[in-house]
Amino acid sequence: MRVLGRLVAILIGGPLVLLTVVFAVANRQAVPLDLWPLPWTIEVSAYLVGLAPLAAGLILGTLLGRFSRG
């Protein structure tokens, strides 16, 4: 059963990693990010605007799931 789980993870995770790399390479241009309540604007790569919230949600969801089990 453990081998089947690892195989499924590779079959799903592999294309997702490849898709993420392609997205990051295709969106390397700088975009202004306005930090609205604050008077600052920073220049970041376009892929960070899309991938950083996803990574933060993944980490937060993993931590909440791990600690909610008790």
Protein backbone atom coordinates (compact mmCIF):
# COMPACT_ATOMS: atom_id res chain seq x y z
CA MET A 1 0.00 0.00 0.00
CA ARG A 2 2.88 2.36 0.77
CA VAL A 3 4.36 1.85 -2.71
CA LEU A 4 1.00 2.64 -4.34
CA GLY A 5 0.72 5.88 -2.35
CA ARG A 6 4.20 6.92 -3.39
CA LEU A 7 3.43 6.12 -7.03
CA VAL A 8 0.24 8.21 -6.93
CA ALA A 9 2.14 11.09 -5.31
CA ILE A 10 4.76 10.98 -8.06
CA LEU A 11 2.15 10.76 -10.83
CA ILE A 12 0.25 13.77 -9.45
CA GLY A 13 3.12 15.77 -7.98
CA GLY A 14 5.47 15.46 -10.94
CA PRO A 15 3.23 17.24 -13.46
CA LEU A 16 2.28 19.85 -10.84
CA VAL A 17 5.93 20.68 -10.21
CA LEU A 18 6.57 20.86 -13.95
CA LEU A 19 3.54 23.14 -14.41
CA THR A 20 4.75 25.39 -11.58
CA VAL A 21 8.22 25.70 -13.12
CA VAL A 22 6.76 26.53 -16.53
CA PHE A 23 4.48 29.15 -14.94
CA ALA A 24 7.41 30.72 -13.08
CA VAL A 25 9.62 30.87 -16.17
CA ALA A 26 6.84 32.36 -18.30
CA ASN A 27 6.04 35.12 -15.77
CA ARG A 28 9.40 36.57 -14.79
CA GLN A 29 8.61 40.22 -15.59
CA ALA A 30 8.41 42.68 -12.72
CA VAL A 31 5.03 44.02 -11.65
CA PRO A 32 4.28 46.73 -9.10
CA LEU A 33 2.68 45.45 -5.90
CA ASP A 34 0.83 48.20 -4.05
CA LEU A 35 0.65 47.59 -0.30
CA TRP A 36 -2.64 49.45 -0.06
CA PRO A 37 -3.02 50.72 3.50
CA LEU A 38 0.68 51.53 3.54
CA PRO A 39 2.18 54.17 1.25
CA TRP A 40 4.64 51.73 -0.35
CA THR A 41 4.82 50.03 -3.72
CA ILE A 42 7.33 47.26 -4.40
CA GLU A 43 8.39 45.58 -7.63
CA VAL A 44 8.15 41.77 -7.57
CA SER A 45 8.18 39.08 -10.21
CA ALA A 46 4.73 38.22 -11.52
CA TYR A 47 5.05 34.55 -10.57
CA LEU A 48 5.61 35.50 -6.91
CA VAL A 49 2.25 37.28 -6.86
CA GLY A 50 0.59 34.01 -7.85
CA LEU A 51 2.72 31.38 -6.15
CA ALA A 52 3.46 33.02 -2.77
CA PRO A 53 -0.19 32.95 -1.59
CA LEU A 54 -0.48 29.33 -2.72
CA ALA A 55 2.66 28.36 -0.80
CA ALA A 56 1.50 30.27 2.29
CA GLY A 57 -1.90 28.54 2.13
CA LEU A 58 -0.28 25.13 1.75
CA ILE A 59 1.96 25.69 4.77
CA LEU A 60 -0.84 27.17 6.89
CA GLY A 61 -3.25 24.38 5.94
CA THR A 62 -0.66 21.71 6.72
CA LEU A 63 0.05 23.23 10.12
CA LEU A 64 -3.63 23.63 11.00
CA GLY A 65 -4.36 20.07 9.91
CA ARG A 66 -1.44 18.71 11.88
CA PHE A 67 -2.32 20.55 15.10
CA SER A 68 -6.07 19.97 14.89
CA ARG A 69 -5.64 16.19 15.07
CA GLY A 70 -4.65 16.48 18.71
